[in-house]
Amino acid sequence: MESEADEWRAEEDGLRDALLNKNYTDAYRLSTAEAFRRYVRGLREGRAILRVTQVERIVADVATESTTDCFRGDT
């Protein structure tokens, strides 16, 4: 049985791996079911955060371009 700290560590590893574009899911399959589940949760949440950040960046770019076009008189 793993401690709660080990489970949080697994989730943290998943978040970090998402940020670094890595995937150690197969290695975590050798851990307990709960550690594996927490790693996968961290990996999925990390990837989701990265996707939201990308969308926000695109929206900000489009908004900046639209504002610039309005000031130039373009429509």
N, C-alpha and C. Protein backbone atom coordinates (compact mmCIF):
# COMPACT_ATOMS: atom_id res chain seq x y z
N MET A 1 0.84 -1.19 0.00
CA MET A 1 0.00 0.00 0.00
C MET A 1 0.89 1.25 0.00
N GLU A 2 0.57 2.16 -0.88
CA GLU A 2 1.35 3.39 -0.98
C GLU A 2 0.74 4.46 -0.08
N SER A 3 1.59 5.36 0.35
CA SER A 3 1.10 6.45 1.19
C SER A 3 0.43 7.51 0.32
N GLU A 4 -0.30 8.37 0.98
CA GLU A 4 -0.95 9.46 0.26
C GLU A 4 0.10 10.36 -0.39
N ALA A 5 1.24 10.53 0.28
CA ALA A 5 2.32 11.34 -0.29
C ALA A 5 2.81 10.73 -1.60
N ASP A 6 2.91 9.41 -1.66
CA ASP A 6 3.34 8.74 -2.90
C ASP A 6 2.32 8.95 -4.02
N GLU A 7 1.05 8.95 -3.65
CA GLU A 7 0.00 9.17 -4.65
C GLU A 7 0.06 10.60 -5.18
N TRP A 8 0.27 11.57 -4.30
CA TRP A 8 0.40 12.96 -4.74
C TRP A 8 1.64 13.12 -5.62
N ARG A 9 2.70 12.42 -5.26
CA ARG A 9 3.94 12.47 -6.05
C ARG A 9 3.70 11.94 -7.46
N ALA A 10 2.91 10.87 -7.56
CA ALA A 10 2.59 10.30 -8.87
C ALA A 10 1.81 11.31 -9.70
N GLU A 11 0.86 12.00 -9.08
CA GLU A 11 0.09 13.01 -9.80
C GLU A 11 0.98 14.17 -10.24
N GLU A 12 1.87 14.57 -9.35
CA GLU A 12 2.83 15.63 -9.69
C GLU A 12 3.72 15.20 -10.86
N ASP A 13 4.15 13.94 -10.85
CA ASP A 13 4.96 13.43 -11.96
C ASP A 13 4.19 13.51 -13.27
N GLY A 14 2.90 13.19 -13.23
CA GLY A 14 2.08 13.28 -14.43
C GLY A 14 1.97 14.70 -14.95
N LEU A 15 1.79 15.65 -14.04
CA LEU A 15 1.74 17.06 -14.44
C LEU A 15 3.06 17.50 -15.07
N ARG A 16 4.15 17.11 -14.44
CA ARG A 16 5.47 17.48 -14.95
C ARG A 16 5.72 16.85 -16.31
N ASP A 17 5.34 15.59 -16.46
CA ASP A 17 5.56 14.91 -17.73
C ASP A 17 4.74 15.55 -18.85
N ALA A 18 3.54 16.03 -18.53
CA ALA A 18 2.74 16.72 -19.54
C ALA A 18 3.46 17.98 -19.99
N LEU A 19 4.01 18.71 -19.05
CA LEU A 19 4.72 19.94 -19.36
C LEU A 19 5.96 19.65 -20.22
N LEU A 20 6.62 18.54 -19.94
CA LEU A 20 7.85 18.18 -20.67
C LEU A 20 7.57 17.32 -21.90
N ASN A 21 6.28 17.09 -22.18
CA ASN A 21 5.86 16.26 -23.32
C ASN A 21 6.45 14.85 -23.24
N LYS A 22 6.35 14.27 -22.06
CA LYS A 22 6.81 12.90 -21.84
C LYS A 22 5.63 12.06 -21.39
N ASN A 23 5.79 10.76 -21.44
CA ASN A 23 4.71 9.86 -21.02
C ASN A 23 5.32 8.59 -20.46
N TYR A 24 5.23 8.44 -19.15
CA TYR A 24 5.74 7.26 -18.48
C TYR A 24 4.61 6.38 -17.95
N THR A 25 3.50 6.37 -18.66
CA THR A 25 2.35 5.59 -18.24
C THR A 25 2.71 4.12 -18.08
N ASP A 26 3.47 3.58 -19.02
CA ASP A 26 3.83 2.16 -18.93
C ASP A 26 4.63 1.86 -17.67
N ALA A 27 5.51 2.76 -17.28
CA ALA A 27 6.29 2.55 -16.05
C ALA A 27 5.38 2.60 -14.83
N TYR A 28 4.39 3.48 -14.84
CA TYR A 28 3.48 3.58 -13.70
C TYR A 28 2.50 2.41 -13.62
N ARG A 29 2.35 1.67 -14.69
CA ARG A 29 1.49 0.48 -14.64
C ARG A 29 2.04 -0.54 -13.64
N LEU A 30 3.33 -0.46 -13.37
CA LEU A 30 3.96 -1.39 -12.42
C LEU A 30 3.73 -0.96 -10.97
N SER A 31 3.21 0.25 -10.78
CA SER A 31 2.92 0.75 -9.44
C SER A 31 1.56 0.23 -8.99
N THR A 32 1.12 0.71 -7.84
CA THR A 32 -0.21 0.33 -7.38
C THR A 32 -1.26 0.96 -8.29
N ALA A 33 -2.45 0.43 -8.23
CA ALA A 33 -3.54 0.94 -9.07
C ALA A 33 -3.81 2.41 -8.77
N GLU A 34 -3.75 2.80 -7.51
CA GLU A 34 -4.02 4.19 -7.15
C GLU A 34 -2.92 5.12 -7.64
N ALA A 35 -1.67 4.71 -7.54
CA ALA A 35 -0.57 5.54 -8.04
C ALA A 35 -0.68 5.69 -9.56
N PHE A 36 -1.03 4.61 -10.24
CA PHE A 36 -1.21 4.66 -11.69
C PHE A 36 -2.34 5.62 -12.04
N ARG A 37 -3.45 5.51 -11.33
CA ARG A 37 -4.60 6.38 -11.58
C ARG A 37 -4.24 7.85 -11.36
N ARG A 38 -3.48 8.13 -10.31
CA ARG A 38 -3.10 9.51 -10.01
C ARG A 38 -2.10 10.04 -11.04
N TYR A 39 -1.19 9.20 -11.51
CA TYR A 39 -0.25 9.63 -12.55
C TYR A 39 -1.03 10.01 -13.81
N VAL A 40 -1.95 9.15 -14.22
CA VAL A 40 -2.74 9.40 -15.42
C VAL A 40 -3.57 10.67 -15.25
N ARG A 41 -4.13 10.87 -14.07
CA ARG A 41 -4.90 12.09 -13.80
C ARG A 41 -4.01 13.32 -13.99
N GLY A 42 -2.82 13.30 -13.40
CA GLY A 42 -1.90 14.42 -13.54
C GLY A 42 -1.52 14.67 -14.99
N LEU A 43 -1.26 13.58 -15.72
CA LEU A 43 -0.88 13.70 -17.13
C LEU A 43 -2.02 14.32 -17.94
N ARG A 44 -3.24 13.85 -17.73
CA ARG A 44 -4.40 14.38 -18.47
C ARG A 44 -4.66 15.84 -18.11
N GLU A 45 -4.62 16.15 -16.82
CA GLU A 45 -4.87 17.52 -16.40
C GLU A 45 -3.79 18.46 -16.93
N GLY A 46 -2.55 18.01 -16.89
CA GLY A 46 -1.47 18.83 -17.42
C GLY A 46 -1.63 19.10 -18.90
N ARG A 47 -2.01 18.09 -19.65
CA ARG A 47 -2.23 18.27 -21.09
C ARG A 47 -3.40 19.21 -21.35
N ALA A 48 -4.45 19.10 -20.53
CA ALA A 48 -5.61 19.99 -20.68
C ALA A 48 -5.22 21.44 -20.41
N ILE A 49 -4.42 21.66 -19.38
CA ILE A 49 -3.96 23.01 -19.06
C ILE A 49 -3.15 23.58 -20.22
N LEU A 50 -2.30 22.76 -20.81
CA LEU A 50 -1.50 23.22 -21.94
C LEU A 50 -2.39 23.58 -23.13
N ARG A 51 -3.43 22.79 -23.38
CA ARG A 51 -4.34 23.10 -24.49
C ARG A 51 -5.09 24.40 -24.25
N VAL A 52 -5.56 24.61 -23.02
CA VAL A 52 -6.26 25.86 -22.69
C VAL A 52 -5.32 27.04 -22.88
N THR A 53 -4.09 26.90 -22.47
CA THR A 53 -3.11 27.97 -22.63
C THR A 53 -2.90 28.29 -24.11
N GLN A 54 -2.84 27.26 -24.95
CA GLN A 54 -2.67 27.49 -26.38
C GLN A 54 -3.87 28.23 -26.97
N VAL A 55 -5.07 27.85 -26.57
CA VAL A 55 -6.28 28.51 -27.06
C VAL A 55 -6.30 29.96 -26.60
N GLU A 56 -5.97 30.20 -25.34
CA GLU A 56 -5.95 31.57 -24.83
C GLU A 56 -4.96 32.42 -25.60
N ARG A 57 -3.82 31.85 -25.95
CA ARG A 57 -2.81 32.59 -26.72
C ARG A 57 -3.35 32.93 -28.11
N ILE A 58 -4.02 31.99 -28.74
CA ILE A 58 -4.60 32.23 -30.07
C ILE A 58 -5.67 33.32 -30.00
N VAL A 59 -6.54 33.24 -29.01
CA VAL A 59 -7.60 34.23 -28.85
C VAL A 59 -6.99 35.62 -28.62
N ALA A 60 -5.96 35.69 -27.80
CA ALA A 60 -5.31 36.98 -27.55
C ALA A 60 -4.69 37.53 -28.83
N ASP A 61 -4.08 36.66 -29.64
CA ASP A 61 -3.50 37.10 -30.91
C ASP A 61 -4.58 37.62 -31.85
N VAL A 62 -5.69 36.91 -31.94
CA VAL A 62 -6.78 37.33 -32.82
C VAL A 62 -7.35 38.66 -32.34
N ALA A 63 -7.52 38.81 -31.04
CA ALA A 63 -8.06 40.05 -30.49
C ALA A 63 -7.11 41.21 -30.78
N THR A 64 -5.83 40.98 -30.66
CA THR A 64 -4.84 42.03 -30.95
C THR A 64 -4.90 42.42 -32.42
N GLU A 65 -5.00 41.42 -33.30
CA GLU A 65 -5.08 41.70 -34.73
C GLU A 65 -6.36 42.48 -35.07
N SER A 66 -7.47 42.10 -34.45
CA SER A 66 -8.74 42.79 -34.71
C SER A 66 -8.67 44.23 -34.26
N THR A 67 -8.09 44.45 -33.10
CA THR A 67 -7.96 45.81 -32.58
C THR A 67 -7.07 46.64 -33.49
N THR A 68 -5.98 46.06 -33.94
CA THR A 68 -5.06 46.76 -34.84
C THR A 68 -5.77 47.11 -36.13
N ASP A 69 -6.55 46.17 -36.68
CA ASP A 69 -7.28 46.42 -37.92
C ASP A 69 -8.29 47.56 -37.74
N CYS A 70 -8.95 47.64 -36.61
CA CYS A 70 -9.94 48.69 -36.35
C CYS A 70 -9.28 50.06 -36.32
N PHE A 71 -8.09 50.13 -35.72
CA PHE A 71 -7.38 51.40 -35.67
C PHE A 71 -6.90 51.86 -37.04
N ARG A 72 -6.64 50.91 -37.92
CA ARG A 72 -6.21 51.24 -39.28
C ARG A 72 -7.40 51.56 -40.18
N GLY A 73 -8.60 51.23 -39.72
CA GLY A 73 -9.78 51.45 -40.54
C GLY A 73 -10.15 50.23 -41.35
N ASP A 74 -9.44 49.10 -41.15
CA ASP A 74 -9.77 47.86 -41.86
C ASP A 74 -10.96 47.21 -41.17
N THR A 75 -11.73 46.46 -41.94
CA THR A 75 -12.85 45.73 -41.35
C THR A 75 -12.81 44.29 -41.76
